[in-house]
């Protein structure tokens, strides 16, 4: 069976599960924020197919949470913040799943074309960062993604998550130390 035959799209799931009604609020939320969810997931997974899966997962979960007309507003006060956090968490779930179920990808380019003249290791580094993020506990991974992948400041993250700025700073510092240690082979023998 081909991978495309096994992948379920949001439309196919909704067709199979007719009890899921799509309220107007959910459709408006999707139209307003699908790009944000996709970009957030893509920054973490580094893969468009995985980002699309995350997009579908986030909105399907939101659809399942309520069936009333005001379900989306009842579930979340700040849709953008909620959806960004949901995308981060779902993307981290995908990365953890990938780590637990490794696959071997076929190279797209011949070896001589795959390596740049400078010996660019960015694809390897991105994969290593993804694996390292997947190994983190959920809260540090979420805070790291909000800070360094989404570009939010510590005060903004503290407000989003309802925690102190000091706690955010401590978690960011510890997470950076842990990731730096795990990614040291990609940066040489530099001591920090």
N, C-alpha and C. Protein backbone atom coordinates (compact mmCIF):
# COMPACT_ATOMS: atom_id res chain seq x y z
N UNK A 1 0.84 -1.17 0.00
CA UNK A 1 0.00 0.00 0.00
C UNK A 1 0.89 1.24 0.00
N UNK A 2 0.58 2.22 -0.83
CA UNK A 2 1.35 3.43 -0.92
C UNK A 2 1.09 4.29 0.31
N UNK A 3 2.12 5.11 0.67
CA UNK A 3 1.99 6.02 1.81
C UNK A 3 0.81 6.96 1.62
N UNK A 4 0.59 7.43 0.40
CA UNK A 4 -0.51 8.36 0.16
C UNK A 4 -1.86 7.70 0.40
N UNK A 5 -1.94 6.39 0.23
CA UNK A 5 -3.19 5.69 0.50
C UNK A 5 -3.45 5.56 1.99
N UNK A 6 -2.38 5.52 2.79
CA UNK A 6 -2.53 5.35 4.23
C UNK A 6 -2.77 6.66 4.95
N UNK A 7 -2.27 7.74 4.41
CA UNK A 7 -2.43 9.03 5.08
C UNK A 7 -3.87 9.49 5.02
N UNK A 8 -4.37 9.88 6.14
CA UNK A 8 -5.74 10.37 6.20
C UNK A 8 -5.71 11.88 6.18
N UNK A 9 -6.52 12.47 5.34
CA UNK A 9 -6.62 13.91 5.31
C UNK A 9 -7.73 14.35 6.24
N UNK A 10 -7.72 15.62 6.56
CA UNK A 10 -8.76 16.16 7.42
C UNK A 10 -10.14 15.93 6.79
N UNK A 11 -10.24 16.13 5.48
CA UNK A 11 -11.51 15.93 4.81
C UNK A 11 -11.96 14.48 4.90
N UNK A 12 -11.04 13.52 4.74
CA UNK A 12 -11.43 12.11 4.79
C UNK A 12 -11.84 11.71 6.19
N UNK A 13 -11.16 12.25 7.20
CA UNK A 13 -11.54 11.94 8.58
C UNK A 13 -12.92 12.51 8.87
N UNK A 14 -13.17 13.72 8.44
CA UNK A 14 -14.48 14.33 8.69
C UNK A 14 -15.58 13.58 7.94
N UNK A 15 -15.26 13.06 6.75
CA UNK A 15 -16.25 12.29 6.01
C UNK A 15 -16.55 10.97 6.71
N UNK A 16 -15.52 10.36 7.33
CA UNK A 16 -15.69 9.10 8.04
C UNK A 16 -16.39 9.29 9.38
N UNK A 17 -16.25 10.47 9.95
CA UNK A 17 -16.82 10.75 11.27
C UNK A 17 -17.84 11.88 11.15
N UNK A 18 -19.05 11.55 10.68
CA UNK A 18 -20.04 12.60 10.42
C UNK A 18 -20.51 13.31 11.68
N UNK A 19 -20.25 12.75 12.87
CA UNK A 19 -20.69 13.43 14.07
C UNK A 19 -19.88 14.68 14.37
N UNK A 20 -18.78 14.85 13.64
CA UNK A 20 -17.98 16.06 13.82
C UNK A 20 -18.55 17.13 12.89
N UNK A 21 -19.16 18.10 13.49
CA UNK A 21 -19.70 19.22 12.72
C UNK A 21 -18.66 20.33 12.72
N UNK A 22 -18.53 21.01 11.62
CA UNK A 22 -17.56 22.10 11.54
C UNK A 22 -18.32 23.41 11.77
N UNK A 23 -18.21 23.94 12.98
CA UNK A 23 -18.88 25.21 13.23
C UNK A 23 -18.23 26.34 12.44
N UNK A 24 -18.98 27.39 12.21
CA UNK A 24 -18.46 28.54 11.48
C UNK A 24 -17.23 29.11 12.17
N UNK A 25 -17.22 29.10 13.52
CA UNK A 25 -16.09 29.63 14.27
C UNK A 25 -14.82 28.84 13.98
N UNK A 26 -14.95 27.52 13.85
CA UNK A 26 -13.79 26.69 13.56
C UNK A 26 -13.27 26.98 12.16
N UNK A 27 -14.18 27.13 11.22
CA UNK A 27 -13.75 27.45 9.86
C UNK A 27 -13.06 28.81 9.81
N UNK A 28 -13.60 29.78 10.54
CA UNK A 28 -12.97 31.11 10.58
C UNK A 28 -11.59 31.02 11.24
N UNK A 29 -11.49 30.24 12.31
CA UNK A 29 -10.20 30.07 12.98
C UNK A 29 -9.20 29.41 12.04
N UNK A 30 -9.65 28.42 11.28
CA UNK A 30 -8.77 27.74 10.34
C UNK A 30 -8.29 28.72 9.27
N UNK A 31 -9.22 29.45 8.69
CA UNK A 31 -8.84 30.40 7.63
C UNK A 31 -7.88 31.47 8.16
N UNK A 32 -8.09 31.91 9.39
CA UNK A 32 -7.27 32.98 9.96
C UNK A 32 -5.89 32.49 10.41
N UNK A 33 -5.80 31.23 10.86
CA UNK A 33 -4.57 30.81 11.52
C UNK A 33 -3.89 29.57 10.94
N UNK A 34 -4.38 29.03 9.82
CA UNK A 34 -3.75 27.82 9.30
C UNK A 34 -2.29 28.06 8.91
N UNK A 35 -1.99 29.24 8.39
CA UNK A 35 -0.61 29.56 8.03
C UNK A 35 0.30 29.59 9.24
N UNK A 36 -0.18 30.16 10.32
CA UNK A 36 0.59 30.22 11.56
C UNK A 36 0.89 28.82 12.08
N UNK A 37 -0.11 27.95 12.09
CA UNK A 37 0.06 26.58 12.58
C UNK A 37 1.05 25.84 11.68
N UNK A 38 0.91 25.96 10.38
CA UNK A 38 1.80 25.28 9.45
C UNK A 38 3.24 25.75 9.63
N UNK A 39 3.46 27.08 9.66
CA UNK A 39 4.81 27.62 9.80
C UNK A 39 5.46 27.19 11.12
N UNK A 40 4.67 27.22 12.18
CA UNK A 40 5.19 26.81 13.49
C UNK A 40 5.62 25.35 13.45
N UNK A 41 4.78 24.50 12.89
CA UNK A 41 5.11 23.07 12.81
C UNK A 41 6.30 22.85 11.88
N UNK A 42 6.37 23.58 10.79
CA UNK A 42 7.47 23.41 9.83
C UNK A 42 8.81 23.79 10.46
N UNK A 43 8.81 24.85 11.27
CA UNK A 43 10.05 25.27 11.92
C UNK A 43 10.59 24.18 12.84
N UNK A 44 9.70 23.41 13.42
CA UNK A 44 10.12 22.36 14.35
C UNK A 44 10.45 21.07 13.61
N UNK A 45 9.59 20.66 12.69
CA UNK A 45 9.78 19.38 12.01
C UNK A 45 10.76 19.48 10.84
N UNK A 46 10.82 20.64 10.19
CA UNK A 46 11.67 20.80 9.03
C UNK A 46 11.17 20.03 7.82
N UNK A 47 9.90 19.66 7.85
CA UNK A 47 9.34 18.81 6.81
C UNK A 47 7.91 19.26 6.52
N UNK A 48 7.62 19.58 5.26
CA UNK A 48 6.30 20.09 4.90
C UNK A 48 5.20 19.05 5.13
N UNK A 49 5.48 17.79 4.83
CA UNK A 49 4.46 16.75 5.03
C UNK A 49 4.11 16.61 6.50
N UNK A 50 5.13 16.63 7.36
CA UNK A 50 4.87 16.55 8.80
C UNK A 50 4.12 17.80 9.29
N UNK A 51 4.48 18.95 8.75
CA UNK A 51 3.81 20.19 9.14
C UNK A 51 2.33 20.14 8.73
N UNK A 52 2.03 19.57 7.57
CA UNK A 52 0.63 19.42 7.15
C UNK A 52 -0.11 18.47 8.08
N UNK A 53 0.56 17.40 8.49
CA UNK A 53 -0.06 16.47 9.44
C UNK A 53 -0.36 17.17 10.76
N UNK A 54 0.56 18.00 11.22
CA UNK A 54 0.35 18.74 12.46
C UNK A 54 -0.82 19.70 12.30
N UNK A 55 -0.88 20.39 11.17
CA UNK A 55 -1.98 21.31 10.89
C UNK A 55 -3.32 20.60 11.00
N UNK A 56 -3.41 19.44 10.37
CA UNK A 56 -4.66 18.69 10.41
C UNK A 56 -4.96 18.19 11.82
N UNK A 57 -3.94 17.74 12.52
CA UNK A 57 -4.12 17.23 13.87
C UNK A 57 -4.64 18.31 14.80
N UNK A 58 -4.04 19.49 14.72
CA UNK A 58 -4.44 20.59 15.61
C UNK A 58 -5.91 20.95 15.39
N UNK A 59 -6.31 21.11 14.14
CA UNK A 59 -7.69 21.54 13.89
C UNK A 59 -8.69 20.40 14.09
N UNK A 60 -8.27 19.18 13.85
CA UNK A 60 -9.16 18.05 14.12
C UNK A 60 -9.40 17.92 15.62
N UNK A 61 -8.35 18.09 16.41
CA UNK A 61 -8.51 18.05 17.87
C UNK A 61 -9.43 19.16 18.34
N UNK A 62 -9.28 20.32 17.75
CA UNK A 62 -10.14 21.44 18.11
C UNK A 62 -11.59 21.14 17.73
N UNK A 63 -11.80 20.53 16.58
CA UNK A 63 -13.16 20.18 16.14
C UNK A 63 -13.79 19.16 17.08
N UNK A 64 -12.99 18.23 17.57
CA UNK A 64 -13.51 17.19 18.46
C UNK A 64 -13.82 17.69 19.86
N UNK A 65 -13.24 18.82 20.24
CA UNK A 65 -13.42 19.34 21.60
C UNK A 65 -14.81 19.87 21.84
N UNK A 66 -15.52 20.23 20.81
CA UNK A 66 -16.85 20.78 21.02
C UNK A 66 -17.66 20.75 19.76
N UNK A 67 -18.96 20.68 19.92
CA UNK A 67 -19.83 20.66 18.75
C UNK A 67 -20.80 21.83 18.73
N UNK A 68 -20.81 22.63 19.79
CA UNK A 68 -21.72 23.76 19.83
C UNK A 68 -21.26 24.88 18.94
N UNK A 69 -22.11 25.85 18.71
CA UNK A 69 -21.78 26.96 17.83
C UNK A 69 -20.62 27.79 18.36
N UNK A 70 -20.49 27.87 19.68
CA UNK A 70 -19.42 28.67 20.27
C UNK A 70 -18.27 27.81 20.76
N UNK A 71 -18.11 26.61 20.22
CA UNK A 71 -17.12 25.66 20.72
C UNK A 71 -15.70 26.23 20.67
N UNK A 72 -15.36 26.87 19.58
CA UNK A 72 -14.00 27.38 19.44
C UNK A 72 -13.74 28.48 20.47
N UNK A 73 -14.68 29.41 20.63
CA UNK A 73 -14.50 30.47 21.61
C UNK A 73 -14.52 29.92 23.03
N UNK A 74 -15.33 28.89 23.28
CA UNK A 74 -15.37 28.29 24.61
C UNK A 74 -14.06 27.60 24.95
N UNK A 75 -13.44 26.98 23.96
CA UNK A 75 -12.21 26.22 24.19
C UNK A 75 -11.03 27.15 24.40
N UNK A 76 -10.97 28.20 23.63
CA UNK A 76 -9.80 29.08 23.71
C UNK A 76 -10.22 30.53 23.75
N UNK A 77 -9.56 31.28 24.63
CA UNK A 77 -9.78 32.72 24.66
C UNK A 77 -8.92 33.40 23.61
N UNK A 78 -7.65 33.04 23.56
CA UNK A 78 -6.73 33.63 22.61
C UNK A 78 -6.37 32.56 21.58
N UNK A 79 -7.08 32.56 20.48
CA UNK A 79 -6.92 31.51 19.46
C UNK A 79 -5.49 31.41 18.96
N UNK A 80 -4.87 32.54 18.67
CA UNK A 80 -3.52 32.52 18.10
C UNK A 80 -2.53 31.86 19.06
N UNK A 81 -2.57 32.25 20.30
CA UNK A 81 -1.66 31.68 21.30
C UNK A 81 -1.93 30.19 21.49
N UNK A 82 -3.21 29.83 21.60
CA UNK A 82 -3.58 28.43 21.78
C UNK A 82 -3.12 27.59 20.59
N UNK A 83 -3.38 28.07 19.38
CA UNK A 83 -3.03 27.30 18.19
C UNK A 83 -1.52 27.20 18.00
N UNK A 84 -0.78 28.23 18.35
CA UNK A 84 0.68 28.17 18.26
C UNK A 84 1.20 27.11 19.23
N UNK A 85 0.70 27.13 20.46
CA UNK A 85 1.14 26.14 21.45
C UNK A 85 0.72 24.74 21.04
N UNK A 86 -0.48 24.59 20.50
CA UNK A 86 -0.94 23.28 20.05
C UNK A 86 -0.07 22.78 18.91
N UNK A 87 0.33 23.68 18.01
CA UNK A 87 1.19 23.29 16.89
C UNK A 87 2.57 22.86 17.39
N UNK A 88 3.10 23.58 18.35
CA UNK A 88 4.40 23.20 18.91
C UNK A 88 4.31 21.82 19.54
N UNK A 89 3.30 21.61 20.35
CA UNK A 89 3.17 20.32 21.03
C UNK A 89 2.95 19.17 20.05
N UNK A 90 2.10 19.39 19.05
CA UNK A 90 1.85 18.34 18.06
C UNK A 90 3.10 18.07 17.23
N UNK A 91 3.86 19.12 16.89
CA UNK A 91 5.09 18.94 16.12
C UNK A 91 6.12 18.17 16.95
N UNK A 92 6.20 18.47 18.23
CA UNK A 92 7.12 17.73 19.09
C UNK A 92 6.69 16.27 19.20
N UNK A 93 5.38 16.03 19.22
CA UNK A 93 4.89 14.65 19.21
C UNK A 93 5.34 13.93 17.94
N UNK A 94 5.27 14.61 16.82
CA UNK A 94 5.70 14.02 15.55
C UNK A 94 7.19 13.71 15.62
N UNK A 95 7.98 14.63 16.16
CA UNK A 95 9.43 14.41 16.25
C UNK A 95 9.72 13.23 17.19
N UNK A 96 9.00 13.13 18.27
CA UNK A 96 9.20 12.00 19.19
C UNK A 96 8.82 10.68 18.50
N UNK A 97 7.73 10.71 17.74
CA UNK A 97 7.31 9.51 17.04
C UNK A 97 8.37 9.11 16.02
N UNK A 98 8.89 10.08 15.28
CA UNK A 98 9.92 9.81 14.28
C UNK A 98 11.16 9.20 14.94
N UNK A 99 11.49 9.72 16.12
CA UNK A 99 12.67 9.20 16.82
C UNK A 99 12.43 7.76 17.28
N UNK A 100 11.23 7.47 17.73
CA UNK A 100 10.91 6.12 18.20
C UNK A 100 10.72 5.15 17.05
N UNK A 101 10.37 5.65 15.87
CA UNK A 101 10.12 4.81 14.70
C UNK A 101 10.95 5.31 13.52
N UNK A 102 12.27 5.11 13.58
CA UNK A 102 13.13 5.66 12.52
C UNK A 102 12.86 5.03 11.16
N UNK A 103 13.02 5.85 10.15
CA UNK A 103 12.90 5.38 8.77
C UNK A 103 14.17 5.75 8.04
N UNK A 104 14.44 5.06 6.97
CA UNK A 104 15.60 5.36 6.15
C UNK A 104 15.08 6.08 4.91
N UNK A 105 15.56 7.32 4.73
CA UNK A 105 15.13 8.09 3.57
C UNK A 105 16.11 7.88 2.43
N UNK A 106 15.58 7.82 1.24
CA UNK A 106 16.43 7.71 0.05
C UNK A 106 16.96 9.09 -0.29
N UNK A 107 18.21 9.18 -0.64
CA UNK A 107 18.75 10.50 -0.98
C UNK A 107 18.13 11.00 -2.29
N UNK A 108 17.88 12.30 -2.33
CA UNK A 108 17.31 12.91 -3.53
C UNK A 108 18.39 13.24 -4.56
N UNK A 109 19.59 13.53 -4.08
CA UNK A 109 20.66 13.96 -4.96
C UNK A 109 21.84 13.00 -4.89
N UNK A 110 22.62 12.91 -5.95
CA UNK A 110 23.87 12.14 -5.85
C UNK A 110 24.75 12.74 -4.75
N UNK A 111 25.62 11.92 -4.17
CA UNK A 111 26.46 12.36 -3.05
C UNK A 111 27.24 13.63 -3.35
N UNK A 112 27.82 13.72 -4.56
CA UNK A 112 28.62 14.89 -4.85
C UNK A 112 27.78 16.17 -4.92
N UNK A 113 26.50 16.06 -5.25
CA UNK A 113 25.64 17.23 -5.29
C UNK A 113 25.05 17.54 -3.93
N UNK A 114 24.90 16.53 -3.09
CA UNK A 114 24.29 16.71 -1.78
C UNK A 114 25.18 17.50 -0.84
N UNK A 115 26.50 17.47 -1.05
CA UNK A 115 27.42 18.19 -0.19
C UNK A 115 27.81 19.50 -0.86
N UNK A 116 27.70 20.57 -0.11
CA UNK A 116 28.12 21.85 -0.66
C UNK A 116 29.63 21.94 -0.60
N UNK A 117 30.20 22.90 -1.34
CA UNK A 117 31.66 23.03 -1.36
C UNK A 117 32.21 23.38 0.02
N UNK A 118 31.41 23.97 0.88
CA UNK A 118 31.87 24.33 2.22
C UNK A 118 31.62 23.21 3.22
N UNK A 119 31.11 22.07 2.76
CA UNK A 119 30.83 20.98 3.68
C UNK A 119 29.67 21.32 4.61
N UNK A 120 28.67 21.97 4.10
CA UNK A 120 27.53 22.43 4.88
C UNK A 120 26.87 21.28 5.63
N UNK A 121 26.71 21.42 6.93
CA UNK A 121 26.11 20.37 7.75
C UNK A 121 24.75 20.80 8.29
N UNK A 122 24.14 21.80 7.68
CA UNK A 122 22.87 22.30 8.18
C UNK A 122 21.77 21.25 8.21
N UNK A 123 21.60 20.42 7.17
CA UNK A 123 20.55 19.40 7.27
C UNK A 123 20.79 18.43 8.43
N UNK A 124 22.04 18.07 8.65
CA UNK A 124 22.36 17.19 9.78
C UNK A 124 22.08 17.88 11.09
N UNK A 125 22.47 19.15 11.17
CA UNK A 125 22.24 19.92 12.39
C UNK A 125 20.75 20.05 12.67
N UNK A 126 19.96 20.33 11.64
CA UNK A 126 18.51 20.45 11.81
C UNK A 126 17.93 19.14 12.34
N UNK A 127 18.36 18.02 11.79
CA UNK A 127 17.86 16.72 12.26
C UNK A 127 18.30 16.46 13.69
N UNK A 128 19.54 16.79 14.00
CA UNK A 128 20.04 16.59 15.37
C UNK A 128 19.28 17.47 16.35
N UNK A 129 19.00 18.72 15.97
CA UNK A 129 18.23 19.60 16.83
C UNK A 129 16.82 19.05 17.03
N UNK A 130 16.22 18.55 15.96
CA UNK A 130 14.89 17.96 16.07
C UNK A 130 14.88 16.77 17.03
N UNK A 131 15.89 15.92 16.92
CA UNK A 131 15.99 14.77 17.83
C UNK A 131 16.19 15.23 19.27
N UNK A 132 17.05 16.23 19.45
CA UNK A 132 17.32 16.73 20.79
C UNK A 132 16.07 17.38 21.39
N UNK A 133 15.34 18.13 20.59
CA UNK A 133 14.09 18.74 21.08
C UNK A 133 13.08 17.66 21.46
N UNK A 134 13.03 16.59 20.68
CA UNK A 134 12.08 15.52 20.96
C UNK A 134 12.39 14.81 22.28
N UNK A 135 13.63 14.86 22.69
CA UNK A 135 14.01 14.22 23.95
C UNK A 135 13.73 15.08 25.17
N UNK A 136 13.47 16.37 24.96
CA UNK A 136 13.19 17.26 26.07
C UNK A 136 11.82 16.97 26.66
N UNK A 137 11.64 17.37 27.91
CA UNK A 137 10.30 17.30 28.51
C UNK A 137 9.44 18.34 27.81
N UNK A 138 8.11 18.16 27.84
CA UNK A 138 7.22 19.04 27.07
C UNK A 138 7.36 20.53 27.38
N UNK A 139 7.40 20.93 28.64
CA UNK A 139 7.45 22.37 28.97
C UNK A 139 8.74 23.01 28.46
N UNK A 140 9.93 22.47 28.73
CA UNK A 140 11.14 23.09 28.18
C UNK A 140 11.16 23.12 26.65
N UNK A 141 10.66 22.07 26.02
CA UNK A 141 10.62 22.04 24.55
C UNK A 141 9.70 23.14 24.02
N UNK A 142 8.56 23.30 24.66
CA UNK A 142 7.61 24.33 24.23
C UNK A 142 8.20 25.72 24.42
N UNK A 143 8.83 25.96 25.56
CA UNK A 143 9.41 27.28 25.82
C UNK A 143 10.57 27.55 24.86
N UNK A 144 11.41 26.56 24.60
CA UNK A 144 12.51 26.74 23.65
C UNK A 144 11.95 27.08 22.26
N UNK A 145 10.94 26.35 21.83
CA UNK A 145 10.36 26.61 20.51
C UNK A 145 9.75 28.00 20.44
N UNK A 146 9.04 28.41 21.48
CA UNK A 146 8.45 29.75 21.48
C UNK A 146 9.55 30.82 21.45
N UNK A 147 10.62 30.60 22.19
CA UNK A 147 11.69 31.60 22.29
C UNK A 147 12.54 31.67 21.02
N UNK A 148 13.02 30.53 20.56
CA UNK A 148 14.02 30.56 19.50
C UNK A 148 13.49 30.22 18.11
N UNK A 149 12.38 29.53 18.02
CA UNK A 149 11.82 29.22 16.71
C UNK A 149 10.71 30.18 16.33
N UNK A 150 9.95 30.64 17.35
CA UNK A 150 8.86 31.58 17.08
C UNK A 150 9.26 33.03 17.34
N UNK A 151 10.34 33.25 18.08
CA UNK A 151 10.85 34.60 18.29
C UNK A 151 10.18 35.41 19.38
N UNK A 152 9.50 34.77 20.31
CA UNK A 152 8.85 35.50 21.40
C UNK A 152 9.87 35.81 22.49
N UNK A 153 9.65 36.92 23.18
CA UNK A 153 10.53 37.30 24.29
C UNK A 153 10.13 36.52 25.55
N UNK A 154 11.01 36.52 26.52
CA UNK A 154 10.70 35.84 27.78
C UNK A 154 9.44 36.39 28.45
N UNK A 155 9.26 37.72 28.51
CA UNK A 155 8.01 38.24 29.11
C UNK A 155 6.76 37.80 28.34
N UNK A 156 6.85 37.76 27.02
CA UNK A 156 5.70 37.32 26.22
C UNK A 156 5.39 35.85 26.50
N UNK A 157 6.42 35.03 26.60
CA UNK A 157 6.22 33.60 26.88
C UNK A 157 5.62 33.42 28.26
N UNK A 158 6.14 34.16 29.22
CA UNK A 158 5.61 34.08 30.59
C UNK A 158 4.13 34.41 30.61
N UNK A 159 3.75 35.44 29.90
CA UNK A 159 2.34 35.83 29.85
C UNK A 159 1.49 34.76 29.16
N UNK A 160 1.99 34.21 28.05
CA UNK A 160 1.26 33.16 27.31
C UNK A 160 1.01 31.94 28.17
N UNK A 161 2.04 31.55 28.93
CA UNK A 161 1.96 30.30 29.68
C UNK A 161 1.49 30.49 31.12
N UNK A 162 1.35 31.74 31.53
CA UNK A 162 0.89 32.01 32.88
C UNK A 162 1.91 31.63 33.95
N UNK A 163 3.19 31.85 33.64
CA UNK A 163 4.26 31.57 34.61
C UNK A 163 5.14 32.81 34.73
N UNK A 164 6.06 32.80 35.69
CA UNK A 164 6.90 33.98 35.91
C UNK A 164 7.99 34.09 34.84
N UNK A 165 8.45 35.32 34.62
CA UNK A 165 9.53 35.56 33.67
C UNK A 165 10.81 34.90 34.14
N UNK A 166 11.01 34.86 35.45
CA UNK A 166 12.21 34.24 36.00
C UNK A 166 12.21 32.75 35.67
N UNK A 167 11.06 32.10 35.81
CA UNK A 167 10.99 30.68 35.49
C UNK A 167 11.26 30.45 34.01
N UNK A 168 10.73 31.30 33.16
CA UNK A 168 10.99 31.18 31.72
C UNK A 168 12.49 31.32 31.46
N UNK A 169 13.12 32.31 32.07
CA UNK A 169 14.56 32.52 31.87
C UNK A 169 15.37 31.32 32.34
N UNK A 170 15.01 30.76 33.47
CA UNK A 170 15.73 29.60 34.00
C UNK A 170 15.57 28.41 33.05
N UNK A 171 14.34 28.18 32.59
CA UNK A 171 14.09 27.05 31.69
C UNK A 171 14.83 27.25 30.37
N UNK A 172 14.82 28.46 29.83
CA UNK A 172 15.54 28.76 28.59
C UNK A 172 17.04 28.49 28.78
N UNK A 173 17.59 28.97 29.88
CA UNK A 173 19.02 28.78 30.13
C UNK A 173 19.38 27.30 30.24
N UNK A 174 18.64 26.56 31.04
CA UNK A 174 18.92 25.13 31.22
C UNK A 174 18.74 24.35 29.92
N UNK A 175 17.71 24.71 29.18
CA UNK A 175 17.45 24.01 27.91
C UNK A 175 18.57 24.29 26.91
N UNK A 176 19.02 25.53 26.84
CA UNK A 176 20.13 25.87 25.94
C UNK A 176 21.39 25.10 26.33
N UNK A 177 21.66 25.00 27.63
CA UNK A 177 22.83 24.25 28.08
C UNK A 177 22.73 22.79 27.66
N UNK A 178 21.55 22.20 27.87
CA UNK A 178 21.36 20.80 27.51
C UNK A 178 21.51 20.59 26.01
N UNK A 179 20.89 21.45 25.21
CA UNK A 179 20.98 21.31 23.76
C UNK A 179 22.40 21.57 23.26
N UNK A 180 23.07 22.54 23.86
CA UNK A 180 24.46 22.83 23.47
C UNK A 180 25.33 21.61 23.69
N UNK A 181 25.12 20.93 24.82
CA UNK A 181 25.90 19.73 25.12
C UNK A 181 25.62 18.63 24.10
N UNK A 182 24.35 18.45 23.74
CA UNK A 182 23.99 17.40 22.79
C UNK A 182 24.41 17.73 21.36
N UNK A 183 24.51 19.00 21.03
CA UNK A 183 24.85 19.40 19.67
C UNK A 183 26.31 19.81 19.51
N UNK A 184 27.11 19.64 20.55
CA UNK A 184 28.53 20.01 20.53
C UNK A 184 29.27 19.46 19.32
N UNK A 185 29.03 18.22 18.88
CA UNK A 185 29.77 17.71 17.71
C UNK A 185 29.57 18.56 16.45
N UNK A 186 28.50 19.31 16.37
CA UNK A 186 28.22 20.11 15.18
C UNK A 186 28.91 21.47 15.22
N UNK A 187 29.43 21.82 16.39
CA UNK A 187 30.07 23.13 16.54
C UNK A 187 31.54 23.02 16.89
N UNK A 188 32.11 21.85 16.74
CA UNK A 188 33.52 21.67 17.06
C UNK A 188 33.74 21.53 18.55
N UNK A 189 34.94 21.81 19.00
CA UNK A 189 35.29 21.64 20.41
C UNK A 189 35.18 22.94 21.21
N UNK A 190 34.41 23.86 20.71
CA UNK A 190 34.23 25.15 21.37
C UNK A 190 33.66 24.96 22.77
N UNK A 191 34.24 25.61 23.77
CA UNK A 191 33.75 25.53 25.15
C UNK A 191 32.93 26.78 25.44
N UNK A 192 31.75 26.57 26.04
CA UNK A 192 30.89 27.71 26.40
C UNK A 192 30.69 27.76 27.88
